[in-house]
Protein backbone atom coordinates (compact mmCIF):
# COMPACT_ATOMS: atom_id res chain seq x y z
CA UNK A 1 14.85 -53.91 24.49
CA UNK A 2 14.94 -57.15 22.48
CA UNK A 3 11.31 -56.60 21.36
CA UNK A 4 12.15 -53.11 20.10
CA UNK A 5 15.05 -54.53 18.07
CA UNK A 6 12.78 -57.20 16.61
CA UNK A 7 10.21 -54.58 15.59
CA UNK A 8 12.90 -52.41 13.99
CA UNK A 9 14.32 -55.45 12.18
CA UNK A 10 10.86 -56.41 10.88
CA UNK A 11 10.25 -52.84 9.73
CA UNK A 12 13.60 -52.77 7.94
CA UNK A 13 12.78 -56.07 6.20
CA UNK A 14 9.38 -54.72 5.13
CA UNK A 15 10.98 -51.66 3.57
CA UNK A 16 13.63 -53.75 1.84
CA UNK A 17 11.00 -56.07 0.31
CA UNK A 18 8.98 -53.03 -0.80
CA UNK A 19 12.07 -51.68 -2.58
CA UNK A 20 12.76 -55.04 -4.19
CA UNK A 21 9.14 -55.29 -5.31
CA UNK A 22 9.22 -51.78 -6.79
CA UNK A 23 12.28 -52.71 -8.84
CA UNK A 24 10.74 -55.98 -10.03
CA UNK A 25 7.51 -54.17 -10.89
CA UNK A 26 9.20 -51.41 -12.84
CA UNK A 27 11.60 -53.56 -14.84
CA UNK A 28 9.90 -56.95 -15.08
CA UNK A 29 6.19 -56.45 -14.40
CA UNK A 30 6.32 -58.73 -11.37
CA UNK A 31 6.14 -58.22 -7.63
CA UNK A 32 7.54 -59.52 -4.35
CA UNK A 33 5.37 -59.74 -1.27
CA UNK A 34 6.56 -60.29 2.29
CA UNK A 35 4.45 -63.11 3.72
CA UNK A 36 6.26 -63.64 7.01
CA UNK A 37 9.48 -62.85 8.82
CA UNK A 38 10.06 -64.95 11.90
CA UNK A 39 13.36 -65.69 13.60
CA UNK A 40 15.83 -65.79 10.71
CA UNK A 41 13.46 -66.95 7.97
CA UNK A 42 11.69 -64.66 5.53
CA UNK A 43 8.97 -66.01 3.25
CA UNK A 44 8.42 -64.18 -0.02
CA UNK A 45 5.71 -64.64 -2.64
CA UNK A 46 6.46 -63.54 -6.18
CA UNK A 47 3.50 -62.32 -8.20
CA UNK A 48 2.55 -60.45 -11.35
CA UNK A 49 4.67 -61.46 -14.32
CA UNK A 50 6.82 -63.58 -11.96
CA UNK A 51 3.87 -65.86 -11.18
CA UNK A 52 4.32 -68.98 -13.27
CA UNK A 53 7.51 -67.68 -14.90
CA UNK A 54 10.09 -70.46 -15.31
CA UNK A 55 12.77 -68.05 -14.02
CA UNK A 56 10.92 -67.11 -10.82
CA UNK A 57 12.94 -69.60 -8.74
CA UNK A 58 16.16 -68.07 -10.05
CA UNK A 59 14.79 -64.59 -9.30
CA UNK A 60 13.93 -65.57 -5.72
CA UNK A 61 17.04 -67.63 -4.97
CA UNK A 62 19.41 -65.36 -6.83
CA UNK A 63 18.45 -61.73 -7.01
CA UNK A 64 15.97 -61.40 -4.11
CA UNK A 65 17.97 -63.58 -1.73
CA UNK A 66 21.23 -61.88 -2.72
CA UNK A 67 19.79 -58.45 -2.03
CA UNK A 68 18.38 -59.52 1.33
CA UNK A 69 21.73 -61.10 2.31
CA UNK A 70 23.49 -57.78 1.74
CA UNK A 71 21.52 -56.36 4.68
CA UNK A 72 20.56 -59.52 6.61
CA UNK A 73 23.29 -62.12 6.00
CA UNK A 74 21.89 -64.46 8.67
CA UNK A 75 18.39 -64.67 7.14
CA UNK A 76 17.29 -67.54 4.93
CA UNK A 77 14.82 -66.82 2.14
CA UNK A 78 11.99 -69.20 1.26
CA UNK A 79 9.22 -69.17 -1.32
CA UNK A 80 5.74 -68.81 0.17
CA UNK A 81 2.83 -70.79 -1.25
């Protein structure tokens, strides 16, 4: 049962990151990619116009993390290399 919950949780996180990425793509020309989701840590890589942007850290730690915390308050968000 625990494995099924983990799979559902991972699937939900994937869909959430896809939605976030679609928004970033449409309005900012950037993207967000789910690199890993293990335990309570999700690693996200920003790309497109976000790559090298001086505001990308604020985007990740503010907007992306804030959105994820609405659905997964226990998850910490980290930048992936």
